[in-house]
N, C-alpha and C. Protein backbone atom coordinates (compact mmCIF):
# COMPACT_ATOMS: atom_id res chain seq x y z
N ARG A 1 -171.88 122.31 56.53
CA ARG A 1 -171.82 121.25 55.52
C ARG A 1 -170.44 120.41 55.40
N PRO A 2 -170.51 119.18 55.87
CA PRO A 2 -169.32 118.40 55.83
C PRO A 2 -168.60 118.35 54.33
N ARG A 3 -167.33 118.51 54.39
CA ARG A 3 -166.55 118.24 53.23
C ARG A 3 -166.90 116.81 52.73
N THR A 4 -166.66 116.40 51.55
CA THR A 4 -166.71 115.37 51.00
C THR A 4 -165.50 114.83 50.38
N GLY A 5 -165.30 113.46 50.24
CA GLY A 5 -164.17 112.84 49.49
C GLY A 5 -164.81 112.29 48.06
N THR A 6 -164.09 111.49 47.35
CA THR A 6 -164.61 110.92 46.28
C THR A 6 -165.81 110.23 46.23
N GLY A 7 -166.62 110.27 45.40
CA GLY A 7 -168.08 109.65 45.55
C GLY A 7 -169.05 110.20 46.43
N GLY A 8 -168.74 111.54 46.94
CA GLY A 8 -169.62 112.25 47.94
C GLY A 8 -169.70 111.66 49.25
N ARG A 9 -168.83 110.84 49.67
CA ARG A 9 -168.68 110.54 51.00
C ARG A 9 -168.04 111.50 51.96
N PRO A 10 -168.77 111.64 53.09
CA PRO A 10 -167.94 112.58 54.14
C PRO A 10 -166.56 112.07 54.50
N LEU A 11 -165.65 113.08 54.43
CA LEU A 11 -164.33 112.72 54.99
C LEU A 11 -164.37 112.54 56.37
N PRO A 12 -163.46 111.47 56.72
CA PRO A 12 -163.44 111.15 58.26
C PRO A 12 -163.04 112.57 59.17
N GLY A 13 -163.74 112.51 60.41
CA GLY A 13 -163.66 113.54 61.17
C GLY A 13 -164.41 114.88 60.88
N ASN A 14 -165.02 114.74 59.65
CA ASN A 14 -165.82 116.17 59.35
C ASN A 14 -167.43 116.00 59.47
N LYS A 15 -167.65 115.19 60.38
CA LYS A 15 -169.27 115.00 60.54
C LYS A 15 -169.75 116.29 61.23
N VAL A 16 -170.94 116.74 60.68
CA VAL A 16 -171.53 117.81 61.45
C VAL A 16 -172.44 117.56 62.38
N ARG A 17 -172.34 118.17 63.51
CA ARG A 17 -173.33 117.96 64.68
C ARG A 17 -174.47 118.81 64.49
N LYS A 18 -175.41 118.36 65.55
CA LYS A 18 -176.60 119.37 65.62
C LYS A 18 -176.13 120.70 65.78
N GLY A 19 -176.99 121.69 65.23
CA GLY A 19 -176.67 123.12 65.31
C GLY A 19 -175.86 123.67 64.29
N GLY A 20 -175.04 122.45 63.60
CA GLY A 20 -174.23 123.04 62.58
C GLY A 20 -172.61 122.96 62.98
N ALA A 21 -172.41 122.68 64.37
CA ALA A 21 -171.07 122.99 64.70
C ALA A 21 -170.40 121.68 64.53
N LYS A 22 -169.09 121.74 64.15
CA LYS A 22 -168.33 120.45 63.89
C LYS A 22 -167.65 120.15 65.38
N LYS A 23 -167.20 118.91 65.32
CA LYS A 23 -166.49 118.30 66.81
C LYS A 23 -165.50 119.32 67.07
N GLY A 24 -165.59 119.85 68.43
CA GLY A 24 -164.60 120.65 68.93
C GLY A 24 -165.02 122.25 68.87
N GLN A 25 -166.04 122.44 68.15
CA GLN A 25 -166.43 123.92 68.05
C GLN A 25 -167.94 123.89 68.77
N GLY A 26 -167.56 124.17 69.88
CA GLY A 26 -168.87 124.58 70.88
C GLY A 26 -169.50 125.97 70.52
N SER A 27 -170.07 126.37 71.68
CA SER A 27 -170.41 127.77 71.47
C SER A 27 -169.39 128.75 71.75
N ALA A 28 -169.49 129.90 71.38
CA ALA A 28 -168.68 130.98 71.24
C ALA A 28 -167.92 131.01 72.63
N GLY A 29 -166.41 130.99 72.81
CA GLY A 29 -165.57 131.11 73.88
C GLY A 29 -165.47 129.83 74.61
N LYS A 30 -165.85 128.69 74.38
CA LYS A 30 -166.08 127.38 74.93
C LYS A 30 -165.11 126.64 73.99
N SER A 31 -164.16 125.69 74.66
CA SER A 31 -163.52 124.97 73.86
C SER A 31 -163.81 123.46 73.88
N GLY A 32 -165.10 122.98 74.41
CA GLY A 32 -165.27 121.67 74.42
C GLY A 32 -164.63 120.92 75.64
N LYS A 33 -163.67 121.32 76.28
CA LYS A 33 -162.75 120.82 77.30
C LYS A 33 -163.26 121.17 78.59
N GLY A 34 -164.31 120.95 79.23
CA GLY A 34 -164.80 121.51 80.51
C GLY A 34 -165.20 122.80 80.29
N GLY A 35 -165.57 123.25 78.81
CA GLY A 35 -166.33 124.69 78.85
C GLY A 35 -165.36 125.86 79.11
N LYS A 36 -164.07 125.64 79.52
CA LYS A 36 -162.98 126.62 79.67
C LYS A 36 -162.66 127.37 78.35
N PRO A 37 -162.57 128.85 78.14
CA PRO A 37 -162.06 129.27 76.96
C PRO A 37 -160.62 128.91 76.74
N GLY A 38 -160.15 128.83 75.52
CA GLY A 38 -158.78 129.03 75.02
C GLY A 38 -158.17 127.45 75.46
N GLY A 39 -158.91 126.59 75.72
CA GLY A 39 -158.23 125.27 76.10
C GLY A 39 -158.05 124.21 75.01
N ALA A 40 -158.56 124.39 73.80
CA ALA A 40 -158.54 123.51 72.71
C ALA A 40 -157.81 124.44 71.42
N LYS A 41 -156.97 123.65 70.79
CA LYS A 41 -156.45 124.03 69.50
C LYS A 41 -157.50 124.55 68.40
N ARG A 42 -157.29 125.70 67.79
CA ARG A 42 -158.08 125.90 66.70
C ARG A 42 -157.70 125.36 65.39
N ARG A 43 -158.57 124.80 64.83
CA ARG A 43 -158.20 124.12 63.46
C ARG A 43 -158.44 125.10 62.29
N LEU A 44 -157.48 125.37 61.53
CA LEU A 44 -157.29 126.19 60.48
C LEU A 44 -158.09 125.63 59.30
N GLU A 45 -158.93 126.55 58.68
CA GLU A 45 -159.74 125.88 57.62
C GLU A 45 -159.20 126.12 56.16
N MET A 46 -159.36 125.29 55.29
CA MET A 46 -158.82 125.61 53.95
C MET A 46 -159.88 125.41 52.96
N ASP A 47 -159.80 126.32 51.88
CA ASP A 47 -160.74 126.35 50.81
C ASP A 47 -160.88 124.84 50.06
N GLU A 48 -162.01 124.77 49.82
CA GLU A 48 -162.27 123.29 49.05
C GLU A 48 -161.64 123.21 47.88
N ALA A 49 -161.42 124.19 47.13
CA ALA A 49 -160.87 124.21 45.76
C ALA A 49 -159.43 124.00 45.79
N VAL A 50 -158.77 124.61 47.08
CA VAL A 50 -157.45 124.32 47.19
C VAL A 50 -157.10 122.73 47.60
N ALA A 51 -157.93 122.46 48.38
CA ALA A 51 -157.92 121.02 48.95
C ALA A 51 -157.94 120.16 47.91
N LYS A 52 -158.77 120.43 46.85
CA LYS A 52 -158.92 119.39 45.74
C LYS A 52 -157.61 119.57 44.83
N LYS A 53 -157.11 120.67 44.60
CA LYS A 53 -155.94 120.98 43.80
C LYS A 53 -154.74 120.13 44.43
N ILE A 54 -154.64 120.21 45.75
CA ILE A 54 -153.56 119.55 46.55
C ILE A 54 -153.77 118.06 46.43
N GLN A 55 -155.00 117.64 46.58
CA GLN A 55 -155.20 116.10 46.41
C GLN A 55 -155.06 115.73 44.79
N SER A 56 -155.29 116.63 43.91
CA SER A 56 -155.14 116.18 42.57
C SER A 56 -153.50 116.01 42.31
N LYS A 57 -152.78 117.06 42.76
CA LYS A 57 -151.17 116.98 42.68
C LYS A 57 -150.60 115.80 43.56
N LEU A 58 -151.13 115.42 44.59
CA LEU A 58 -150.66 114.03 45.21
C LEU A 58 -151.05 113.02 44.50
N LYS A 59 -152.24 112.83 43.90
CA LYS A 59 -152.59 111.68 42.92
C LYS A 59 -151.63 111.42 41.82
N ALA A 60 -151.37 112.87 41.33
CA ALA A 60 -150.45 112.80 39.98
C ALA A 60 -148.90 112.42 40.48
N ALA A 61 -148.47 112.63 41.48
CA ALA A 61 -147.20 112.54 42.04
C ALA A 61 -146.97 111.12 42.40
N CYS A 62 -148.24 110.45 42.81
CA CYS A 62 -148.10 108.94 43.03
C CYS A 62 -148.34 107.97 41.85
N TYR A 63 -148.60 108.74 40.81
CA TYR A 63 -148.79 107.73 39.44
C TYR A 63 -147.57 107.11 39.10
N GLY A 64 -147.75 105.66 39.09
CA GLY A 64 -146.49 104.69 38.91
C GLY A 64 -145.83 104.23 40.03
N THR A 65 -146.22 104.69 41.13
CA THR A 65 -145.55 104.48 42.53
C THR A 65 -146.56 104.23 43.54
N THR A 66 -146.12 104.03 44.85
CA THR A 66 -146.87 104.03 45.89
C THR A 66 -146.64 105.32 46.84
N PRO A 67 -147.70 105.71 47.56
CA PRO A 67 -147.40 106.73 48.46
C PRO A 67 -146.21 106.69 49.41
N GLN A 68 -145.97 105.40 49.82
CA GLN A 68 -144.95 105.05 50.66
C GLN A 68 -143.34 105.41 50.00
N VAL A 69 -143.47 105.05 48.66
CA VAL A 69 -142.23 105.28 47.99
C VAL A 69 -142.11 106.92 47.86
N LEU A 70 -143.20 107.47 47.45
CA LEU A 70 -143.19 109.07 47.07
C LEU A 70 -142.64 109.67 48.43
N PHE A 71 -143.38 109.52 49.52
CA PHE A 71 -142.79 109.96 50.85
C PHE A 71 -141.37 109.53 51.29
N SER A 72 -140.91 108.46 50.97
CA SER A 72 -139.60 108.05 51.46
C SER A 72 -138.65 108.89 50.42
N ARG A 73 -138.84 109.28 49.32
CA ARG A 73 -138.00 110.16 48.60
C ARG A 73 -137.72 111.42 49.13
N TRP A 74 -138.55 111.94 49.97
CA TRP A 74 -138.40 113.18 50.77
C TRP A 74 -137.99 113.17 52.15
N ASP A 75 -137.73 111.79 52.52
CA ASP A 75 -137.24 111.67 53.72
C ASP A 75 -135.94 111.69 53.93
N ARG A 76 -135.34 112.90 54.21
CA ARG A 76 -133.77 112.96 54.07
C ARG A 76 -133.04 112.36 55.19
N ASP A 77 -133.60 112.28 56.14
CA ASP A 77 -132.70 111.79 57.41
C ASP A 77 -133.00 110.12 57.41
N GLY A 78 -133.90 109.76 56.63
CA GLY A 78 -134.22 108.22 56.55
C GLY A 78 -134.79 107.62 57.85
N GLY A 79 -135.56 108.40 58.64
CA GLY A 79 -136.24 108.19 59.89
C GLY A 79 -137.47 107.39 59.62
N GLY A 80 -138.02 107.45 58.40
CA GLY A 80 -139.23 106.68 57.93
C GLY A 80 -140.45 107.69 58.24
N THR A 81 -140.26 108.78 58.54
CA THR A 81 -141.18 109.83 58.74
C THR A 81 -140.69 111.17 58.06
N LEU A 82 -141.72 112.09 57.79
CA LEU A 82 -141.21 113.39 57.21
C LEU A 82 -141.43 114.23 58.43
N ASP A 83 -140.26 115.06 58.75
CA ASP A 83 -140.59 116.08 59.81
C ASP A 83 -141.29 117.36 59.12
N HIS A 84 -141.28 118.45 59.93
CA HIS A 84 -142.08 119.61 59.18
C HIS A 84 -141.08 120.04 58.02
N ALA A 85 -140.04 120.32 58.07
CA ALA A 85 -139.24 120.86 56.99
C ALA A 85 -139.04 119.79 55.89
N GLU A 86 -139.12 118.75 55.88
CA GLU A 86 -139.20 117.60 54.91
C GLU A 86 -140.49 117.61 54.29
N PHE A 87 -141.56 117.76 54.81
CA PHE A 87 -143.06 117.75 54.51
C PHE A 87 -143.09 119.15 53.55
N LYS A 88 -142.71 120.38 54.19
CA LYS A 88 -142.74 121.49 53.52
C LYS A 88 -142.14 121.57 52.22
N ARG A 89 -140.86 120.87 52.29
CA ARG A 89 -140.11 120.87 50.97
C ARG A 89 -140.76 119.88 49.93
N MET A 90 -141.39 118.74 50.29
CA MET A 90 -142.08 118.01 49.41
C MET A 90 -143.19 118.86 48.90
N VAL A 91 -144.18 119.51 49.53
CA VAL A 91 -145.28 120.34 49.16
C VAL A 91 -144.81 121.47 48.06
N ARG A 92 -143.68 122.22 48.44
CA ARG A 92 -143.39 123.32 47.74
C ARG A 92 -142.51 122.88 46.33
N VAL A 93 -141.54 122.03 46.61
CA VAL A 93 -140.77 121.67 45.40
C VAL A 93 -141.29 120.44 44.62
N GLY A 94 -141.60 119.38 45.44
CA GLY A 94 -142.02 118.16 44.67
C GLY A 94 -143.43 118.34 43.95
N LEU A 95 -144.56 118.87 44.88
CA LEU A 95 -145.76 118.97 44.25
C LEU A 95 -146.16 120.47 43.71
N LYS A 96 -145.05 121.29 43.85
CA LYS A 96 -145.22 122.67 43.19
C LYS A 96 -146.48 123.30 43.60
N ILE A 97 -146.55 123.50 44.73
CA ILE A 97 -147.92 124.16 45.39
C ILE A 97 -147.27 125.39 46.18
N THR A 98 -147.57 126.52 45.58
CA THR A 98 -147.04 127.80 45.79
C THR A 98 -147.65 128.29 47.28
N PRO A 99 -146.97 129.20 47.97
CA PRO A 99 -147.67 129.69 49.17
C PRO A 99 -148.83 130.39 49.01
N GLN A 100 -149.10 131.09 47.74
CA GLN A 100 -150.43 131.88 47.64
C GLN A 100 -151.56 130.59 47.48
N ASP A 101 -151.15 129.31 47.06
CA ASP A 101 -152.28 128.41 47.25
C ASP A 101 -152.48 127.72 48.39
N LEU A 102 -151.38 127.66 49.25
CA LEU A 102 -151.33 126.75 50.48
C LEU A 102 -150.31 127.62 51.41
N PRO A 103 -150.66 128.69 52.21
CA PRO A 103 -149.93 129.31 53.25
C PRO A 103 -149.21 128.54 54.03
N ASP A 104 -148.00 128.82 54.37
CA ASP A 104 -146.97 128.24 55.43
C ASP A 104 -147.72 127.82 56.59
N LYS A 105 -148.74 128.69 57.25
CA LYS A 105 -149.35 128.43 58.54
C LYS A 105 -150.31 127.25 58.38
N LEU A 106 -150.78 126.84 57.01
CA LEU A 106 -151.56 125.61 57.03
C LEU A 106 -150.70 124.35 56.95
N ILE A 107 -149.45 124.44 56.61
CA ILE A 107 -148.64 123.40 56.39
C ILE A 107 -148.01 122.82 58.00
N LYS A 108 -148.77 121.87 58.63
CA LYS A 108 -148.25 121.60 60.00
C LYS A 108 -148.20 120.02 59.90
């Protein structure tokens, strides 16, 4: 079942294909790239309740400002983008999301 955003619409990239497999999830042992095992990166799954909690905290953090301003506050080097360490710090400190709610391996 595809995950949905607000209003019940499917999120981009979460369309379910025939047989219930999502894009890039072929039969066991196949990667979808020429059918050779181990060729594609495996996407880690996140619990829907956790995803909604993170979405809620992001919305609250953006209240009264824009997402661009929010993210620029955590851009320590001023490069215009958040590197992994800056993003992780924003998630942990700014949004107060604990490793129990969102493990480090899911922050990429």
